Amino acid sequence: MRFQFDQLSANQRYHLITQTITPRPIAWILTKNENESFNLAPFSYFAPVSSDPALVMVSIGNKSADQAKDTKHNLLREKECVLHIPSEALMNAVNESAANLPYGESELPNTHVSLADFTKTLPRIQQANVAMHCRLFDIHSLGNASFQAVYLEILDVHVEEDLITEANSRIYIDNKKLNPLARLGGDDYALVGKTVTMKRPN
């Protein structure tokens, strides 16, 4: 079956995109609310886009026509966040953090995760194997501006020691130990499962 996107609603396009472009990595983003509590939310329209500068892009929509999602609201004000790469063990916490709560009400109590010191202004999720301190680099409105491409510059990264090996001046992270959580369509998630190693041609 062929789908002509100009004949589909935005919602229909969304469901086709999220069920065909899979698996998608999850950016689990912690920001500070105006009341000094912390917002925590997952995003799967997420990808690395540059190494110099070290940039990732997260596409963030709005809660409603006139209200930005809490993460975007906080990023525009604070200009920084902590972006985590969640593992299988955090699946329930990630799912709970997707709840649509009133602004300023933290998702953390429902996730049962704990915080660890990280930057001068933001903590990280202690149970997450990877945490990136990022600052807002740029933001671009897309189409009707209900979505915005948010570019984040990675300043430093925490990686749990037992995931790391070093050889020939390179750092290797064990993906099987990391076991990153990814999004599929609907309510489905994916895990790494089988991996294949294949050397690239010269």
N, C-alpha and C. Protein backbone atom coordinates (compact mmCIF):
# COMPACT_ATOMS: atom_id res chain seq x y z
N MET A 1 0.85 -1.20 0.00
CA MET A 1 0.00 0.00 0.00
C MET A 1 0.89 1.24 0.00
N ARG A 2 0.48 2.23 -0.75
CA ARG A 2 1.23 3.48 -0.83
C ARG A 2 0.43 4.59 -0.15
N PHE A 3 1.13 5.40 0.65
CA PHE A 3 0.47 6.48 1.39
C PHE A 3 0.98 7.83 0.87
N GLN A 4 0.07 8.65 0.40
CA GLN A 4 0.41 10.01 -0.03
C GLN A 4 0.28 10.94 1.17
N PHE A 5 1.41 11.46 1.64
CA PHE A 5 1.40 12.24 2.87
C PHE A 5 0.60 13.52 2.77
N ASP A 6 0.47 14.07 1.57
CA ASP A 6 -0.32 15.30 1.46
C ASP A 6 -1.82 15.03 1.57
N GLN A 7 -2.20 13.74 1.63
CA GLN A 7 -3.61 13.38 1.80
C GLN A 7 -3.90 12.85 3.20
N LEU A 8 -2.91 12.90 4.08
CA LEU A 8 -3.06 12.38 5.43
C LEU A 8 -3.05 13.52 6.45
N SER A 9 -3.70 13.30 7.58
CA SER A 9 -3.65 14.27 8.67
C SER A 9 -2.28 14.18 9.35
N ALA A 10 -1.95 15.19 10.14
CA ALA A 10 -0.69 15.18 10.87
C ALA A 10 -0.61 13.97 11.80
N ASN A 11 -1.74 13.62 12.40
CA ASN A 11 -1.77 12.47 13.30
C ASN A 11 -1.52 11.16 12.55
N GLN A 12 -2.10 11.02 11.36
CA GLN A 12 -1.87 9.83 10.56
C GLN A 12 -0.40 9.74 10.12
N ARG A 13 0.17 10.88 9.74
CA ARG A 13 1.58 10.90 9.35
C ARG A 13 2.47 10.52 10.52
N TYR A 14 2.13 11.05 11.70
CA TYR A 14 2.91 10.73 12.91
C TYR A 14 2.95 9.23 13.15
N HIS A 15 1.81 8.57 13.08
CA HIS A 15 1.77 7.14 13.37
C HIS A 15 2.50 6.32 12.32
N LEU A 16 2.46 6.74 11.07
CA LEU A 16 3.22 6.03 10.04
C LEU A 16 4.72 6.22 10.24
N ILE A 17 5.12 7.43 10.57
CA ILE A 17 6.54 7.71 10.78
C ILE A 17 7.07 6.90 11.97
N THR A 18 6.34 6.93 13.09
CA THR A 18 6.85 6.28 14.30
C THR A 18 6.79 4.76 14.22
N GLN A 19 6.03 4.22 13.29
CA GLN A 19 5.97 2.77 13.15
C GLN A 19 6.86 2.23 12.03
N THR A 20 7.43 3.12 11.24
CA THR A 20 8.32 2.68 10.17
C THR A 20 9.78 3.09 10.41
N ILE A 21 10.01 4.24 11.01
CA ILE A 21 11.37 4.65 11.33
C ILE A 21 11.68 4.15 12.73
N THR A 22 12.15 2.92 12.79
CA THR A 22 12.37 2.24 14.06
C THR A 22 13.65 1.39 13.98
N PRO A 23 14.28 1.08 15.11
CA PRO A 23 14.00 1.64 16.43
C PRO A 23 14.59 3.05 16.54
N ARG A 24 14.05 3.85 17.42
CA ARG A 24 14.54 5.20 17.63
C ARG A 24 15.12 5.31 19.04
N PRO A 25 16.33 5.86 19.17
CA PRO A 25 16.90 6.05 20.51
C PRO A 25 16.06 7.04 21.30
N ILE A 26 16.14 6.93 22.60
CA ILE A 26 15.37 7.80 23.49
C ILE A 26 16.29 8.79 24.20
N ALA A 27 15.95 10.06 24.08
CA ALA A 27 16.60 11.10 24.87
C ALA A 27 15.74 11.34 26.10
N TRP A 28 16.25 10.98 27.26
CA TRP A 28 15.50 11.14 28.52
C TRP A 28 16.03 12.39 29.19
N ILE A 29 15.28 13.47 29.09
CA ILE A 29 15.82 14.80 29.39
C ILE A 29 15.32 15.33 30.73
N LEU A 30 16.28 15.75 31.54
CA LEU A 30 15.99 16.39 32.83
C LEU A 30 16.28 17.88 32.72
N THR A 31 15.29 18.70 33.11
CA THR A 31 15.45 20.15 33.14
C THR A 31 14.91 20.68 34.47
N LYS A 32 15.23 21.94 34.74
CA LYS A 32 14.77 22.56 35.99
C LYS A 32 13.52 23.40 35.74
N ASN A 33 12.48 23.17 36.56
CA ASN A 33 11.27 23.98 36.50
C ASN A 33 11.48 25.32 37.20
N GLU A 34 10.56 26.23 36.97
CA GLU A 34 10.66 27.56 37.60
C GLU A 34 10.58 27.47 39.12
N ASN A 35 9.90 26.44 39.65
CA ASN A 35 9.78 26.31 41.11
C ASN A 35 10.93 25.50 41.71
N GLU A 36 12.00 25.30 40.91
CA GLU A 36 13.22 24.60 41.34
C GLU A 36 13.06 23.07 41.41
N SER A 37 11.88 22.53 41.10
CA SER A 37 11.75 21.08 40.97
C SER A 37 12.30 20.68 39.61
N PHE A 38 12.34 19.38 39.33
CA PHE A 38 12.92 18.91 38.08
C PHE A 38 11.88 18.21 37.21
N ASN A 39 11.93 18.55 35.93
CA ASN A 39 11.09 17.89 34.93
C ASN A 39 11.90 16.78 34.28
N LEU A 40 11.25 15.65 34.00
CA LEU A 40 11.92 14.52 33.36
C LEU A 40 10.98 13.97 32.29
N ALA A 41 11.46 13.91 31.04
CA ALA A 41 10.58 13.49 29.95
C ALA A 41 11.38 12.79 28.85
N PRO A 42 10.76 11.77 28.21
CA PRO A 42 11.44 11.06 27.11
C PRO A 42 11.04 11.59 25.74
N PHE A 43 12.00 11.59 24.80
CA PHE A 43 11.76 12.03 23.43
C PHE A 43 12.44 11.05 22.48
N SER A 44 11.70 10.61 21.45
CA SER A 44 12.29 9.66 20.51
C SER A 44 12.47 10.22 19.10
N TYR A 45 12.13 11.49 18.89
CA TYR A 45 12.56 12.17 17.67
C TYR A 45 13.91 12.79 18.02
N PHE A 46 14.96 11.97 17.95
CA PHE A 46 16.24 12.32 18.57
C PHE A 46 17.38 11.69 17.77
N ALA A 47 18.43 12.48 17.49
CA ALA A 47 19.56 11.94 16.74
C ALA A 47 20.80 12.82 16.93
N PRO A 48 22.00 12.21 16.83
CA PRO A 48 23.22 13.01 16.77
C PRO A 48 23.34 13.63 15.39
N VAL A 49 23.84 14.86 15.31
CA VAL A 49 23.95 15.52 14.02
C VAL A 49 25.34 16.05 13.71
N SER A 50 26.22 16.15 14.73
CA SER A 50 27.55 16.70 14.49
C SER A 50 28.48 16.31 15.63
N SER A 51 29.77 16.16 15.30
CA SER A 51 30.77 15.88 16.33
C SER A 51 31.61 17.10 16.67
N ASP A 52 31.64 18.09 15.77
CA ASP A 52 32.44 19.29 16.01
C ASP A 52 31.71 20.49 15.42
N PRO A 53 30.87 21.17 16.19
CA PRO A 53 30.60 20.95 17.62
C PRO A 53 29.80 19.67 17.85
N ALA A 54 29.85 19.19 19.09
CA ALA A 54 29.15 17.95 19.45
C ALA A 54 27.68 18.27 19.67
N LEU A 55 26.86 17.98 18.64
CA LEU A 55 25.45 18.38 18.68
C LEU A 55 24.54 17.18 18.52
N VAL A 56 23.43 17.21 19.25
CA VAL A 56 22.32 16.30 19.02
C VAL A 56 21.09 17.15 18.74
N MET A 57 20.11 16.55 18.07
CA MET A 57 18.86 17.25 17.78
C MET A 57 17.71 16.47 18.41
N VAL A 58 16.85 17.19 19.09
CA VAL A 58 15.64 16.62 19.66
C VAL A 58 14.47 17.44 19.15
N SER A 59 13.51 16.77 18.53
CA SER A 59 12.31 17.46 18.06
C SER A 59 11.28 17.44 19.17
N ILE A 60 10.84 18.63 19.59
CA ILE A 60 9.93 18.75 20.72
C ILE A 60 8.67 19.49 20.28
N GLY A 61 7.53 18.88 20.51
CA GLY A 61 6.26 19.49 20.16
C GLY A 61 5.72 20.36 21.28
N ASN A 62 4.46 20.69 21.16
CA ASN A 62 3.78 21.49 22.17
C ASN A 62 2.73 20.66 22.89
N LYS A 63 2.39 21.09 24.11
CA LYS A 63 1.27 20.45 24.82
C LYS A 63 -0.05 20.77 24.14
N SER A 64 -0.14 22.01 23.69
CA SER A 64 -1.34 22.48 23.01
C SER A 64 -0.93 23.58 22.06
N ALA A 65 -1.90 24.16 21.37
CA ALA A 65 -1.59 25.18 20.37
C ALA A 65 -0.84 26.37 20.96
N ASP A 66 -1.10 26.69 22.23
CA ASP A 66 -0.49 27.88 22.83
C ASP A 66 0.36 27.56 24.06
N GLN A 67 0.74 26.29 24.23
CA GLN A 67 1.53 25.93 25.41
C GLN A 67 2.64 24.96 25.02
N ALA A 68 3.89 25.39 25.26
CA ALA A 68 5.05 24.55 24.96
C ALA A 68 5.13 23.39 25.95
N LYS A 69 5.72 22.30 25.51
CA LYS A 69 6.00 21.22 26.45
C LYS A 69 6.96 21.73 27.51
N ASP A 70 6.87 21.15 28.71
CA ASP A 70 7.65 21.65 29.85
C ASP A 70 9.14 21.64 29.56
N THR A 71 9.64 20.60 28.89
CA THR A 71 11.07 20.53 28.58
C THR A 71 11.50 21.71 27.72
N LYS A 72 10.73 22.03 26.69
CA LYS A 72 11.06 23.16 25.83
C LYS A 72 11.00 24.47 26.60
N HIS A 73 9.96 24.62 27.40
CA HIS A 73 9.80 25.83 28.22
C HIS A 73 11.03 26.02 29.10
N ASN A 74 11.48 24.95 29.75
CA ASN A 74 12.63 25.04 30.65
C ASN A 74 13.94 25.28 29.90
N LEU A 75 14.09 24.63 28.76
CA LEU A 75 15.31 24.81 27.97
C LEU A 75 15.46 26.25 27.48
N LEU A 76 14.37 26.84 27.06
CA LEU A 76 14.44 28.22 26.59
C LEU A 76 14.81 29.17 27.71
N ARG A 77 14.42 28.85 28.94
CA ARG A 77 14.73 29.71 30.08
C ARG A 77 16.10 29.43 30.66
N GLU A 78 16.41 28.15 30.93
CA GLU A 78 17.64 27.76 31.62
C GLU A 78 18.83 27.54 30.68
N LYS A 79 18.55 27.24 29.42
CA LYS A 79 19.58 27.02 28.39
C LYS A 79 20.44 25.78 28.63
N GLU A 80 19.98 24.84 29.46
CA GLU A 80 20.75 23.63 29.69
C GLU A 80 19.85 22.48 30.12
N CYS A 81 20.38 21.26 30.02
CA CYS A 81 19.65 20.08 30.45
C CYS A 81 20.64 18.95 30.69
N VAL A 82 20.15 17.85 31.23
CA VAL A 82 20.92 16.61 31.30
C VAL A 82 20.15 15.57 30.50
N LEU A 83 20.79 15.05 29.46
CA LEU A 83 20.18 14.09 28.56
C LEU A 83 20.71 12.70 28.89
N HIS A 84 19.82 11.78 29.23
CA HIS A 84 20.21 10.42 29.59
C HIS A 84 19.87 9.46 28.46
N ILE A 85 20.66 8.39 28.35
CA ILE A 85 20.35 7.27 27.48
C ILE A 85 19.86 6.14 28.38
N PRO A 86 18.55 5.88 28.43
CA PRO A 86 18.02 4.89 29.37
C PRO A 86 18.25 3.45 28.91
N SER A 87 18.41 2.56 29.88
CA SER A 87 18.59 1.14 29.62
C SER A 87 17.30 0.39 29.96
N GLU A 88 17.32 -0.92 29.68
CA GLU A 88 16.14 -1.75 29.91
C GLU A 88 15.62 -1.63 31.34
N ALA A 89 16.54 -1.58 32.30
CA ALA A 89 16.13 -1.54 33.71
C ALA A 89 15.30 -0.30 34.03
N LEU A 90 15.38 0.72 33.19
CA LEU A 90 14.66 1.97 33.43
C LEU A 90 13.38 2.09 32.60
N MET A 91 12.97 1.01 31.96
CA MET A 91 11.81 1.06 31.07
C MET A 91 10.56 1.60 31.75
N ASN A 92 10.23 1.09 32.92
CA ASN A 92 9.03 1.55 33.61
C ASN A 92 9.14 3.02 34.01
N ALA A 93 10.33 3.42 34.44
CA ALA A 93 10.53 4.81 34.83
C ALA A 93 10.39 5.75 33.63
N VAL A 94 10.94 5.35 32.49
CA VAL A 94 10.82 6.15 31.28
C VAL A 94 9.35 6.29 30.89
N ASN A 95 8.62 5.19 30.93
CA ASN A 95 7.20 5.22 30.58
C ASN A 95 6.41 6.12 31.53
N GLU A 96 6.69 6.03 32.82
CA GLU A 96 6.00 6.88 33.81
C GLU A 96 6.30 8.35 33.58
N SER A 97 7.52 8.65 33.15
CA SER A 97 7.91 10.06 32.98
C SER A 97 7.25 10.70 31.76
N ALA A 98 6.57 9.89 30.93
CA ALA A 98 5.86 10.43 29.77
C ALA A 98 4.49 10.97 30.13
N ALA A 99 4.09 10.86 31.39
CA ALA A 99 2.78 11.34 31.83
C ALA A 99 2.65 12.85 31.61
N ASN A 100 1.46 13.28 31.24
CA ASN A 100 1.19 14.69 30.98
C ASN A 100 0.76 15.37 32.27
N LEU A 101 1.73 15.94 32.99
CA LEU A 101 1.46 16.56 34.28
C LEU A 101 1.39 18.08 34.14
N PRO A 102 0.75 18.76 35.07
CA PRO A 102 0.75 20.22 35.05
C PRO A 102 2.17 20.75 35.19
N TYR A 103 2.43 21.91 34.60
CA TYR A 103 3.78 22.48 34.68
C TYR A 103 4.19 22.69 36.13
N GLY A 104 5.41 22.30 36.44
CA GLY A 104 5.95 22.48 37.79
C GLY A 104 5.78 21.25 38.67
N GLU A 105 4.95 20.30 38.25
CA GLU A 105 4.80 19.06 39.01
C GLU A 105 5.80 18.04 38.46
N SER A 106 6.72 17.62 39.29
CA SER A 106 7.81 16.76 38.84
C SER A 106 7.35 15.32 38.60
N GLU A 107 7.91 14.71 37.57
CA GLU A 107 7.66 13.30 37.27
C GLU A 107 8.49 12.37 38.16
N LEU A 108 9.49 12.90 38.82
CA LEU A 108 10.44 12.06 39.56
C LEU A 108 9.80 11.16 40.62
N PRO A 109 8.85 11.64 41.42
CA PRO A 109 8.27 10.75 42.44
C PRO A 109 7.61 9.50 41.84
N ASN A 110 7.05 9.62 40.64
CA ASN A 110 6.38 8.48 40.01
C ASN A 110 7.35 7.50 39.36
N THR A 111 8.59 7.93 39.14
CA THR A 111 9.56 7.08 38.44
C THR A 111 10.39 6.23 39.40
N HIS A 112 10.44 6.64 40.67
CA HIS A 112 11.21 5.91 41.69
C HIS A 112 12.69 5.82 41.35
N VAL A 113 13.21 6.84 40.67
CA VAL A 113 14.65 6.92 40.45
C VAL A 113 15.23 7.90 41.45
N SER A 114 16.54 7.88 41.60
CA SER A 114 17.21 8.80 42.51
C SER A 114 18.15 9.71 41.73
N LEU A 115 18.53 10.81 42.34
CA LEU A 115 19.38 11.80 41.71
C LEU A 115 20.80 11.73 42.27
N ALA A 116 21.77 12.03 41.41
CA ALA A 116 23.17 12.10 41.80
C ALA A 116 23.72 13.45 41.36
N ASP A 117 24.67 13.98 42.12
CA ASP A 117 25.29 15.25 41.75
C ASP A 117 25.94 15.12 40.38
N PHE A 118 25.82 16.18 39.57
CA PHE A 118 26.43 16.14 38.23
C PHE A 118 27.04 17.48 37.87
N THR A 119 26.20 18.50 37.61
CA THR A 119 26.73 19.83 37.30
C THR A 119 26.47 20.75 38.49
N LYS A 120 26.88 21.99 38.36
CA LYS A 120 26.64 22.95 39.43
C LYS A 120 25.15 23.23 39.63
N THR A 121 24.38 23.05 38.56
CA THR A 121 22.96 23.43 38.62
C THR A 121 21.99 22.27 38.41
N LEU A 122 22.46 21.16 37.85
CA LEU A 122 21.56 20.05 37.53
C LEU A 122 22.14 18.72 38.01
N PRO A 123 21.29 17.85 38.55
CA PRO A 123 21.72 16.49 38.87
C PRO A 123 21.54 15.59 37.66
N ARG A 124 21.92 14.33 37.81
CA ARG A 124 21.63 13.31 36.80
C ARG A 124 20.85 12.19 37.47
N ILE A 125 20.22 11.34 36.66
CA ILE A 125 19.55 10.16 37.18
C ILE A 125 20.61 9.13 37.55
N GLN A 126 20.68 8.77 38.80
CA GLN A 126 21.74 7.89 39.28
C GLN A 126 21.73 6.53 38.58
N GLN A 127 20.56 6.01 38.27
CA GLN A 127 20.44 4.68 37.68
C GLN A 127 20.73 4.64 36.18
N ALA A 128 20.88 5.80 35.54
CA ALA A 128 21.17 5.84 34.10
C ALA A 128 22.66 5.65 33.86
N ASN A 129 23.00 4.77 32.93
CA ASN A 129 24.41 4.48 32.65
C ASN A 129 25.11 5.59 31.88
N VAL A 130 24.33 6.39 31.15
CA VAL A 130 24.89 7.48 30.35
C VAL A 130 24.10 8.75 30.63
N ALA A 131 24.82 9.83 30.93
CA ALA A 131 24.19 11.14 31.15
C ALA A 131 25.05 12.21 30.49
N MET A 132 24.43 13.08 29.73
CA MET A 132 25.14 14.14 29.00
C MET A 132 24.67 15.51 29.47
N HIS A 133 25.62 16.32 29.90
CA HIS A 133 25.29 17.70 30.22
C HIS A 133 25.30 18.49 28.92
N CYS A 134 24.17 19.10 28.58
CA CYS A 134 24.02 19.80 27.31
C CYS A 134 23.56 21.23 27.54
N ARG A 135 23.96 22.10 26.62
CA ARG A 135 23.41 23.45 26.63
C ARG A 135 22.70 23.71 25.32
N LEU A 136 21.72 24.59 25.36
CA LEU A 136 20.95 24.93 24.18
C LEU A 136 21.85 25.63 23.17
N PHE A 137 21.92 25.08 21.97
CA PHE A 137 22.77 25.63 20.91
C PHE A 137 21.96 26.44 19.91
N ASP A 138 20.80 25.90 19.53
CA ASP A 138 19.95 26.58 18.54
C ASP A 138 18.58 25.93 18.57
N ILE A 139 17.61 26.61 18.00
CA ILE A 139 16.26 26.05 17.92
C ILE A 139 15.60 26.56 16.64
N HIS A 140 14.98 25.64 15.90
CA HIS A 140 14.35 25.99 14.63
C HIS A 140 12.90 25.54 14.63
N SER A 141 12.00 26.43 14.26
CA SER A 141 10.60 26.04 14.10
C SER A 141 10.44 25.23 12.83
N LEU A 142 9.57 24.22 12.89
CA LEU A 142 9.34 23.34 11.75
C LEU A 142 7.88 23.45 11.31
N GLY A 143 7.67 23.72 10.04
CA GLY A 143 6.32 23.75 9.49
C GLY A 143 5.44 24.76 10.21
N ASN A 144 4.36 24.25 10.80
CA ASN A 144 3.40 25.14 11.46
C ASN A 144 3.84 25.52 12.87
N ALA A 145 5.10 25.19 13.22
CA ALA A 145 5.73 25.57 14.50
C ALA A 145 5.21 24.80 15.69
N SER A 146 4.37 23.76 15.48
CA SER A 146 3.97 22.94 16.62
C SER A 146 5.13 22.06 17.07
N PHE A 147 6.07 21.79 16.16
CA PHE A 147 7.31 21.09 16.51
C PHE A 147 8.47 22.04 16.29
N GLN A 148 9.48 21.90 17.14
CA GLN A 148 10.70 22.65 16.96
C GLN A 148 11.89 21.71 17.07
N ALA A 149 12.86 21.91 16.17
CA ALA A 149 14.11 21.16 16.24
C ALA A 149 15.03 21.87 17.23
N VAL A 150 15.30 21.20 18.33
CA VAL A 150 16.12 21.78 19.39
C VAL A 150 17.51 21.16 19.29
N TYR A 151 18.51 22.00 19.06
CA TYR A 151 19.90 21.53 18.95
C TYR A 151 20.60 21.75 20.29
N LEU A 152 21.17 20.66 20.79
CA LEU A 152 21.83 20.69 22.09
C LEU A 152 23.31 20.37 21.92
N GLU A 153 24.17 21.17 22.53
CA GLU A 153 25.61 20.91 22.48
C GLU A 153 26.02 20.12 23.72
N ILE A 154 26.68 18.99 23.49
CA ILE A 154 27.14 18.15 24.60
C ILE A 154 28.40 18.76 25.19
N LEU A 155 28.37 19.04 26.49
CA LEU A 155 29.51 19.64 27.17
C LEU A 155 30.37 18.58 27.86
N ASP A 156 29.74 17.62 28.51
CA ASP A 156 30.48 16.50 29.09
C ASP A 156 29.53 15.33 29.30
N VAL A 157 30.11 14.15 29.43
CA VAL A 157 29.33 12.92 29.47
C VAL A 157 29.77 12.06 30.64
N HIS A 158 28.80 11.54 31.38
CA HIS A 158 29.07 10.52 32.40
C HIS A 158 28.72 9.17 31.81
N VAL A 159 29.66 8.21 31.88
CA VAL A 159 29.42 6.83 31.47
C VAL A 159 29.88 5.92 32.61
N GLU A 160 29.04 4.98 33.00
CA GLU A 160 29.41 4.05 34.07
C GLU A 160 30.66 3.27 33.69
N GLU A 161 31.57 3.14 34.66
CA GLU A 161 32.89 2.56 34.41
C GLU A 161 32.83 1.16 33.81
N ASP A 162 31.87 0.33 34.24
CA ASP A 162 31.88 -1.06 33.79
C ASP A 162 31.43 -1.23 32.34
N LEU A 163 31.05 -0.14 31.70
CA LEU A 163 30.70 -0.19 30.28
C LEU A 163 31.89 0.13 29.38
N ILE A 164 33.00 0.61 29.96
CA ILE A 164 34.08 1.21 29.19
C ILE A 164 35.30 0.30 29.10
N THR A 165 35.85 0.19 27.91
CA THR A 165 37.19 -0.36 27.70
C THR A 165 37.94 0.62 26.79
N GLU A 166 39.26 0.60 26.88
CA GLU A 166 40.09 1.47 26.04
C GLU A 166 41.13 0.64 25.33
N ALA A 167 41.32 0.92 24.04
CA ALA A 167 42.33 0.23 23.25
C ALA A 167 42.74 1.12 22.09
N ASN A 168 44.06 1.20 21.84
CA ASN A 168 44.58 1.99 20.71
C ASN A 168 44.06 3.42 20.72
N SER A 169 44.06 4.00 21.93
CA SER A 169 43.64 5.40 22.12
C SER A 169 42.17 5.64 21.78
N ARG A 170 41.38 4.56 21.74
CA ARG A 170 39.94 4.72 21.51
C ARG A 170 39.17 4.21 22.70
N ILE A 171 38.02 4.81 22.93
CA ILE A 171 37.12 4.39 24.00
C ILE A 171 36.02 3.54 23.39
N TYR A 172 35.77 2.39 24.00
CA TYR A 172 34.70 1.50 23.53
C TYR A 172 33.67 1.34 24.65
N ILE A 173 32.41 1.46 24.28
CA ILE A 173 31.32 1.29 25.23
C ILE A 173 30.56 0.02 24.88
N ASP A 174 30.39 -0.84 25.86
CA ASP A 174 29.76 -2.14 25.65
C ASP A 174 28.25 -1.96 25.51
N ASN A 175 27.75 -2.10 24.27
CA ASN A 175 26.33 -1.88 24.02
C ASN A 175 25.45 -2.94 24.68
N LYS A 176 26.00 -4.16 24.84
CA LYS A 176 25.21 -5.21 25.49
C LYS A 176 25.00 -4.88 26.95
N LYS A 177 26.02 -4.33 27.60
CA LYS A 177 25.86 -3.92 29.00
C LYS A 177 24.98 -2.68 29.10
N LEU A 178 25.16 -1.76 28.17
CA LEU A 178 24.31 -0.55 28.17
C LEU A 178 22.86 -0.93 27.92
N ASN A 179 22.63 -1.85 26.98
CA ASN A 179 21.29 -2.33 26.65
C ASN A 179 20.30 -1.17 26.51
N PRO A 180 20.58 -0.24 25.58
CA PRO A 180 19.75 0.96 25.48
C PRO A 180 18.32 0.65 25.07
N LEU A 181 17.42 1.39 25.64
CA LEU A 181 16.00 1.29 25.35
C LEU A 181 15.69 2.12 24.11
N ALA A 182 14.87 1.59 23.21
CA ALA A 182 14.51 2.32 22.00
C ALA A 182 13.00 2.26 21.80
N ARG A 183 12.48 3.20 21.02
CA ARG A 183 11.04 3.27 20.76
C ARG A 183 10.71 2.66 19.42
N LEU A 184 9.60 1.95 19.42
CA LEU A 184 8.98 1.48 18.19
C LEU A 184 7.67 2.25 18.04
N GLY A 185 6.72 1.74 17.31
CA GLY A 185 5.44 2.41 17.18
C GLY A 185 4.50 2.08 18.32
N GLY A 186 3.46 2.87 18.48
CA GLY A 186 2.44 2.62 19.50
C GLY A 186 3.03 2.57 20.89
N ASP A 187 2.72 1.51 21.63
CA ASP A 187 3.20 1.35 23.01
C ASP A 187 4.43 0.45 23.08
N ASP A 188 5.07 0.17 21.95
CA ASP A 188 6.15 -0.81 21.91
C ASP A 188 7.53 -0.17 22.08
N TYR A 189 8.38 -0.91 22.79
CA TYR A 189 9.78 -0.55 22.98
C TYR A 189 10.65 -1.66 22.41
N ALA A 190 11.92 -1.35 22.15
CA ALA A 190 12.86 -2.35 21.65
C ALA A 190 14.13 -2.31 22.49
N LEU A 191 14.81 -3.47 22.53
CA LEU A 191 16.11 -3.60 23.18
C LEU A 191 17.12 -4.05 22.15
N VAL A 192 18.40 -4.02 22.49
CA VAL A 192 19.44 -4.31 21.52
C VAL A 192 19.31 -5.71 20.95
N GLY A 193 19.13 -6.72 21.81
CA GLY A 193 19.02 -8.09 21.32
C GLY A 193 20.28 -8.53 20.60
N LYS A 194 20.13 -9.17 19.46
CA LYS A 194 21.26 -9.67 18.69
C LYS A 194 22.04 -8.52 18.07
N THR A 195 23.36 -8.58 18.15
CA THR A 195 24.21 -7.59 17.50
C THR A 195 25.13 -8.29 16.51
N VAL A 196 25.50 -7.60 15.47
CA VAL A 196 26.39 -8.12 14.43
C VAL A 196 27.57 -7.19 14.27
N THR A 197 28.78 -7.73 14.29
CA THR A 197 29.99 -6.92 14.10
C THR A 197 30.51 -7.13 12.68
N MET A 198 30.70 -6.05 11.94
CA MET A 198 31.16 -6.14 10.56
C MET A 198 32.11 -4.98 10.29
N LYS A 199 33.35 -5.28 9.90
CA LYS A 199 34.31 -4.22 9.62
C LYS A 199 33.91 -3.47 8.37
N ARG A 200 34.06 -2.14 8.41
CA ARG A 200 33.73 -1.31 7.26
C ARG A 200 34.86 -1.40 6.24
N PRO A 201 34.54 -1.27 4.94
CA PRO A 201 35.61 -1.29 3.93
C PRO A 201 36.46 -0.04 4.01
N ASN A 202 37.68 -0.14 3.54
CA ASN A 202 38.59 1.02 3.55
C ASN A 202 38.12 2.09 2.57
